[in-house]
Amino acid sequence: MKKLLALVLFLVSPVFADTHVWDGSADDGNWATAANWDVAAVPIDGDDVIIDAGDEAIDAGLDQSLIDLTSLTIGPNFLYGIGVSTSTRLEIDTAKLVINGGLDDNIWIEDGSVTSWDEVIIGSVGASGTGTCYLDGVITTMAIHKGKVELLGTATTIYLDATLGNPINATLNTGATITDLYVTDGNVNHTAGTITNVYYDNGDYVCTAGTITNLYQRGGELQWWTTTNMTTAMIFGGIFDASGSASARTITTLTTHYAAAVNLNNVVGNIALTTTKLWAGTVTWPPGSGPDY
């Protein structure tokens, strides 16, 4: 009976995750080298990983695609890059990814083959915000505060909220598919992919390709220079500029409010509006055109 009880207790006992801290002692920049970790073991499923020291980039042993971490945190004292290029990234899954890097180098990370990233927080990429973080994966929620993020893959919700309220501090370059993008302060370069809902307050947003399905704009300047249509453009304030592309496009419903400045004059005059609700603000039309209201 005692042996049976001991076996049962063994089977139901929880397995606690370890915390692995990178110290780079092996001096080979290899994730898969046990000597580079303070516990002399390479991180495995469920572990928490902290990278906040080291004397060189992590550029080898990058295929960790079968590993699913609890968290991966890159701290301000790590001054080098992770990954090599857009085709040679660190491949790993983690429930939470936090980047508060002091590095002014670049980070390339791709999710693995196990699951998605539940939460991504970009506190800083580089002490001066000059580094670039290249991410390719499936993300549930991401917040960007400082630095530049190049995003591929898919994301459910992204918050772009620049440090000190200065849009220049945070830039999102995206070719991803995103459900909801909230831009409190920040700059966006939209070059591909579909964003279902954009809630835009301040900064510069340039859409040269890809699709914005629904736009809710309260400030900043948005250049809608793509070739695709928009379902809803509700402009409460700021500048909405569609003049930079000669492509024929349709806005199903355009609504303007008191602080809106809308420019639809793309010279050739081929921007079609199905429904307009021009409560206030200013609209610049192509010569000889404009709604009858």
Protein backbone atom coordinates (compact mmCIF):
# COMPACT_ATOMS: atom_id res chain seq x y z
CA MET A 1 0.00 0.00 0.00
CA LYS A 2 2.84 2.43 0.84
CA LYS A 3 4.48 1.74 -2.53
CA LEU A 4 1.16 2.34 -4.32
CA LEU A 5 0.63 5.62 -2.40
CA ALA A 6 4.14 6.76 -3.26
CA LEU A 7 3.52 6.00 -6.93
CA VAL A 8 0.26 7.95 -6.92
CA LEU A 9 1.91 10.93 -5.23
CA PHE A 10 4.68 10.85 -7.82
CA LEU A 11 2.22 10.81 -10.70
CA VAL A 12 0.16 13.74 -9.42
CA SER A 13 3.01 15.90 -8.12
CA PRO A 14 3.33 19.15 -10.10
CA VAL A 15 6.31 19.71 -12.34
CA PHE A 16 7.66 23.19 -11.70
CA ALA A 17 9.21 25.19 -14.52
CA ASP A 18 12.79 26.34 -14.16
CA THR A 19 14.13 29.82 -14.79
CA HIS A 20 17.05 29.84 -17.20
CA VAL A 21 19.23 32.95 -17.29
CA TRP A 22 21.55 33.48 -20.25
CA ASP A 23 25.11 34.39 -19.27
CA GLY A 24 26.89 33.46 -22.49
CA SER A 25 29.74 31.76 -20.63
CA ALA A 26 30.64 29.52 -23.56
CA ASP A 27 31.30 32.58 -25.75
CA ASP A 28 29.88 30.89 -28.84
CA GLY A 29 26.53 32.70 -29.15
CA ASN A 30 24.76 29.34 -29.33
CA TRP A 31 21.33 28.98 -27.71
CA ALA A 32 21.75 25.19 -27.67
CA THR A 33 24.99 25.23 -25.68
CA ALA A 34 24.21 24.30 -22.06
CA ALA A 35 27.19 26.25 -20.71
CA ASN A 36 25.62 29.51 -21.88
CA TRP A 37 22.87 29.15 -19.26
CA ASP A 38 23.26 29.70 -15.51
CA VAL A 39 21.77 26.29 -14.72
CA ALA A 40 24.02 24.55 -17.29
CA ALA A 41 21.00 23.28 -19.21
CA VAL A 42 19.22 24.42 -22.37
CA PRO A 43 15.64 25.69 -21.77
CA ILE A 44 12.81 23.21 -22.33
CA ASP A 45 9.01 23.32 -22.39
CA GLY A 46 7.46 25.43 -19.64
CA ASP A 47 10.64 27.21 -18.62
CA ASP A 48 11.03 30.94 -18.04
CA VAL A 49 13.97 32.44 -19.93
CA ILE A 50 15.76 35.70 -19.12
CA ILE A 51 18.39 37.21 -21.42
CA ASP A 52 19.92 40.24 -19.73
CA ALA A 53 23.69 39.74 -20.05
CA GLY A 54 26.32 38.41 -22.41
CA ASP A 55 29.13 39.64 -24.60
CA GLU A 56 27.95 38.64 -28.07
CA ALA A 57 24.93 38.07 -30.26
CA ILE A 58 22.89 34.88 -30.05
CA ASP A 59 23.22 33.67 -33.62
CA ALA A 60 23.44 29.86 -33.47
CA GLY A 61 21.29 27.01 -32.20
CA LEU A 62 18.28 29.04 -33.29
CA ASP A 63 15.94 26.18 -34.23
CA GLN A 64 14.01 25.73 -30.98
CA SER A 65 10.73 25.31 -32.84
CA LEU A 66 9.55 22.39 -30.69
CA ILE A 67 10.02 24.30 -27.44
CA ASP A 68 7.10 26.12 -25.79
CA LEU A 69 8.28 28.45 -23.01
CA THR A 70 6.21 30.09 -20.32
CA SER A 71 8.02 33.38 -20.86
CA LEU A 72 10.97 34.89 -22.71
CA THR A 73 12.29 38.22 -21.41
CA ILE A 74 15.07 40.22 -23.06
CA GLY A 75 16.37 42.85 -20.65
CA PRO A 76 18.14 46.22 -20.98
CA ASN A 77 21.62 44.87 -20.20
CA PHE A 78 21.77 42.60 -23.23
CA LEU A 79 23.51 44.76 -25.81
CA TYR A 80 23.59 42.48 -28.84
CA GLY A 81 21.27 40.95 -31.41
CA ILE A 82 19.29 37.72 -31.55
CA GLY A 83 19.05 35.85 -34.84
CA VAL A 84 20.87 36.62 -38.05
CA SER A 85 18.39 37.75 -40.70
CA THR A 86 14.78 37.48 -41.80
CA SER A 87 15.55 33.97 -43.04
CA THR A 88 17.59 32.90 -39.98
CA ARG A 89 15.55 33.67 -36.88
CA LEU A 90 15.24 32.31 -33.40
CA GLU A 91 12.29 29.91 -33.75
CA ILE A 92 10.53 29.36 -30.45
CA ASP A 93 7.09 29.45 -28.85
CA THR A 94 6.37 31.29 -25.63
CA ALA A 95 3.19 32.31 -23.84
CA LYS A 96 4.73 35.70 -23.07
CA LEU A 97 7.48 37.60 -24.91
CA VAL A 98 8.88 40.76 -23.32
CA ILE A 99 11.57 42.86 -25.00
CA ASN A 100 13.10 45.66 -22.95
CA GLY A 101 16.41 45.46 -24.73
CA GLY A 102 19.25 47.88 -24.26
CA LEU A 103 20.64 46.75 -27.60
CA ASP A 104 20.65 48.96 -30.63
CA ASP A 105 21.03 45.85 -32.77
CA ASN A 106 18.24 43.78 -34.32
CA ILE A 107 16.14 40.87 -33.07
CA TRP A 108 14.67 38.22 -35.35
CA ILE A 109 12.15 35.86 -33.74
CA GLU A 110 9.63 33.48 -35.31
CA ASP A 111 7.09 31.36 -33.50
CA GLY A 112 7.69 27.62 -33.48
CA SER A 113 5.45 24.73 -34.43
CA VAL A 114 3.78 24.16 -31.05
CA THR A 115 1.49 27.12 -30.33
CA SER A 116 1.13 30.89 -30.67
CA TRP A 117 2.40 33.82 -28.61
CA ASP A 118 -0.32 34.91 -26.18
CA GLU A 119 1.24 38.21 -25.13
CA VAL A 120 4.03 40.31 -26.63
CA ILE A 121 5.30 43.49 -24.96
CA ILE A 122 7.86 45.66 -26.74
CA GLY A 123 9.02 48.05 -24.02
CA SER A 124 12.10 49.04 -25.99
CA VAL A 125 14.24 47.79 -28.84
CA GLY A 126 17.52 49.48 -28.12
CA ALA A 127 18.24 51.98 -25.37
CA SER A 128 17.69 54.77 -27.89
CA GLY A 129 14.91 52.91 -29.66
CA THR A 130 16.99 52.46 -32.81
CA GLY A 131 16.94 48.67 -33.01
CA THR A 132 14.43 46.69 -35.04
CA CYS A 133 12.46 43.69 -33.84
CA TYR A 134 11.42 41.34 -36.65
CA LEU A 135 8.51 39.14 -35.58
CA ASP A 136 6.76 36.47 -37.63
CA GLY A 137 4.09 34.43 -35.90
CA VAL A 138 0.60 34.16 -34.49
CA ILE A 139 0.05 36.74 -31.72
CA THR A 140 -2.97 37.21 -29.49
CA THR A 141 -2.08 40.60 -27.97
CA MET A 142 0.91 42.90 -28.55
CA ALA A 143 1.84 46.30 -27.10
CA ILE A 144 4.60 48.45 -28.65
CA HIS A 145 6.09 51.37 -26.71
CA LYS A 146 9.56 52.09 -28.11
CA GLY A 147 11.53 51.02 -31.15
CA LYS A 148 10.68 49.64 -34.56
CA VAL A 149 8.75 46.42 -35.11
CA GLU A 150 8.56 44.61 -38.45
CA LEU A 151 5.55 42.31 -38.22
CA LEU A 152 4.43 39.41 -40.38
CA GLY A 153 1.99 36.63 -39.57
CA THR A 154 -1.29 37.32 -37.78
CA ALA A 155 -2.34 39.22 -34.67
CA THR A 156 -5.66 39.65 -32.92
CA THR A 157 -5.02 42.93 -31.08
CA ILE A 158 -2.12 45.38 -31.25
CA TYR A 159 -1.64 48.53 -29.16
CA LEU A 160 0.84 51.13 -30.44
CA ASP A 161 1.42 53.57 -27.58
CA ALA A 162 4.74 55.37 -27.85
CA THR A 163 6.86 56.24 -24.85
CA LEU A 164 6.36 59.86 -23.67
CA GLY A 165 3.50 60.21 -26.16
CA ASN A 166 5.94 60.88 -28.99
CA PRO A 167 4.97 58.95 -32.16
CA ILE A 168 8.56 58.92 -33.41
CA ASN A 169 9.46 56.61 -30.53
CA ALA A 170 7.42 53.69 -31.88
CA THR A 171 7.02 52.43 -35.43
CA LEU A 172 5.10 49.43 -36.74
CA ASN A 173 5.93 48.17 -40.21
CA THR A 174 3.33 45.58 -41.02
CA GLY A 175 2.45 43.08 -43.69
CA ALA A 176 0.47 41.05 -41.18
CA THR A 177 -3.20 40.20 -40.88
CA ILE A 178 -4.53 42.08 -37.84
CA THR A 179 -8.02 42.18 -36.37
CA ASP A 180 -7.78 45.34 -34.22
CA LEU A 181 -5.01 47.96 -34.29
CA TYR A 182 -5.16 50.72 -31.67
CA VAL A 183 -2.73 53.59 -32.31
CA THR A 184 -2.62 56.05 -29.41
CA ASP A 185 0.76 57.47 -30.41
CA GLY A 186 2.98 55.95 -33.09
CA ASN A 187 3.86 55.64 -36.74
CA VAL A 188 2.63 52.86 -39.03
CA ASN A 189 3.91 51.72 -42.41
CA HIS A 190 1.25 49.41 -43.83
CA THR A 191 2.68 47.56 -46.82
CA ALA A 192 0.61 44.37 -47.07
CA GLY A 193 -2.01 42.35 -45.26
CA THR A 194 -5.48 43.21 -44.02
CA ILE A 195 -6.30 45.14 -40.86
CA THR A 196 -9.97 44.82 -40.03
CA ASN A 197 -10.31 47.74 -37.61
CA VAL A 198 -7.90 50.67 -37.19
CA TYR A 199 -8.46 53.05 -34.26
CA TYR A 200 -6.07 55.91 -34.90
CA ASP A 201 -5.31 58.90 -32.64
CA ASN A 202 -1.86 60.36 -33.32
CA GLY A 203 1.18 59.90 -35.55
CA ASP A 204 1.80 59.17 -39.22
CA TYR A 205 0.10 56.20 -40.88
CA VAL A 206 1.10 55.38 -44.46
CA CYS A 207 -0.84 52.65 -46.25
CA THR A 208 0.77 51.99 -49.63
CA ALA A 209 -0.56 48.44 -50.04
CA GLY A 210 -2.78 46.08 -48.13
CA THR A 211 -6.27 46.77 -46.80
CA ILE A 212 -7.87 48.79 -44.03
CA THR A 213 -11.43 47.54 -43.75
CA ASN A 214 -12.74 49.98 -41.13
CA LEU A 215 -11.05 53.20 -40.00
CA TYR A 216 -11.92 55.26 -36.93
CA GLN A 217 -9.59 58.29 -36.92
CA ARG A 218 -9.41 61.00 -34.25
CA GLY A 219 -6.07 62.64 -35.10
CA GLY A 220 -2.72 62.30 -36.81
CA GLU A 221 -2.28 61.95 -40.57
CA LEU A 222 -3.26 58.85 -42.49
CA GLN A 223 -2.19 58.47 -46.11
CA TRP A 224 -4.51 55.99 -47.79
CA TRP A 225 -2.49 55.36 -50.92
CA THR A 226 -3.28 51.71 -51.46
CA THR A 227 -5.26 50.05 -54.27
CA THR A 228 -7.97 48.37 -52.20
CA ASN A 229 -11.39 49.44 -50.96
CA MET A 230 -12.51 50.54 -47.50
CA THR A 231 -15.85 49.72 -45.90
CA THR A 232 -16.00 52.42 -43.20
CA ALA A 233 -14.06 55.66 -42.85
CA MET A 234 -15.22 57.57 -39.78
CA ILE A 235 -13.02 60.66 -39.44
CA PHE A 236 -13.49 62.57 -36.18
CA GLY A 237 -10.26 64.53 -36.54
CA GLY A 238 -6.85 64.61 -38.16
CA ILE A 239 -5.92 64.37 -41.84
CA PHE A 240 -7.18 61.59 -44.09
CA ASP A 241 -5.32 61.84 -47.39
CA ALA A 242 -6.30 59.66 -50.36
CA SER A 243 -4.64 61.86 -52.99
CA GLY A 244 -1.40 59.95 -53.41
CA SER A 245 -2.72 57.06 -55.50
CA ALA A 246 -4.42 57.13 -58.90
CA SER A 247 -5.97 53.71 -58.28
CA ALA A 248 -9.75 53.44 -58.38
CA ARG A 249 -11.07 52.80 -54.87
CA THR A 250 -14.38 52.77 -53.06
CA ILE A 251 -15.29 53.89 -49.56
CA THR A 252 -18.66 52.40 -48.72
CA THR A 253 -19.46 54.85 -45.90
CA LEU A 254 -17.54 58.09 -45.28
CA THR A 255 -18.43 60.06 -42.15
CA THR A 256 -16.70 63.32 -41.20
CA HIS A 257 -16.86 65.30 -37.97
CA TYR A 258 -15.78 68.77 -36.84
CA ALA A 259 -11.98 68.29 -36.74
CA ALA A 260 -11.68 66.18 -39.90
CA ALA A 261 -9.68 67.20 -42.96
CA VAL A 262 -10.29 64.78 -45.83
CA ASN A 263 -8.52 64.94 -49.20
CA LEU A 264 -10.08 62.82 -51.96
CA ASN A 265 -8.46 64.76 -54.80
CA ASN A 266 -6.33 62.11 -56.49
CA VAL A 267 -6.45 64.12 -59.77
CA VAL A 268 -8.13 61.39 -61.81
CA GLY A 269 -11.18 61.56 -59.55
CA ASN A 270 -11.86 57.84 -59.33
CA ILE A 271 -12.56 57.46 -55.61
CA ALA A 272 -16.17 56.36 -55.26
CA LEU A 273 -18.35 56.93 -52.21
CA THR A 274 -21.47 54.86 -51.65
CA THR A 275 -22.78 56.71 -48.59
CA THR A 276 -21.60 60.04 -47.16
CA LYS A 277 -22.38 61.56 -43.77
CA LEU A 278 -20.54 64.85 -43.81
CA TRP A 279 -21.54 66.37 -40.48
CA ALA A 280 -18.63 68.79 -40.29
CA GLY A 281 -14.96 69.17 -41.19
CA THR A 282 -13.52 69.82 -44.63
CA VAL A 283 -13.43 67.62 -47.72
CA THR A 284 -11.29 68.31 -50.79
CA TRP A 285 -12.82 66.82 -53.93
CA PRO A 286 -11.36 66.37 -57.41
CA PRO A 287 -12.25 69.32 -59.67
CA GLY A 288 -15.86 69.17 -60.82
CA SER A 289 -16.91 66.46 -58.39
CA GLY A 290 -18.46 66.16 -54.96
CA PRO A 291 -21.65 64.80 -53.46
CA ASP A 292 -25.00 66.43 -53.84
CA TYR A 293 -26.11 66.99 -50.25
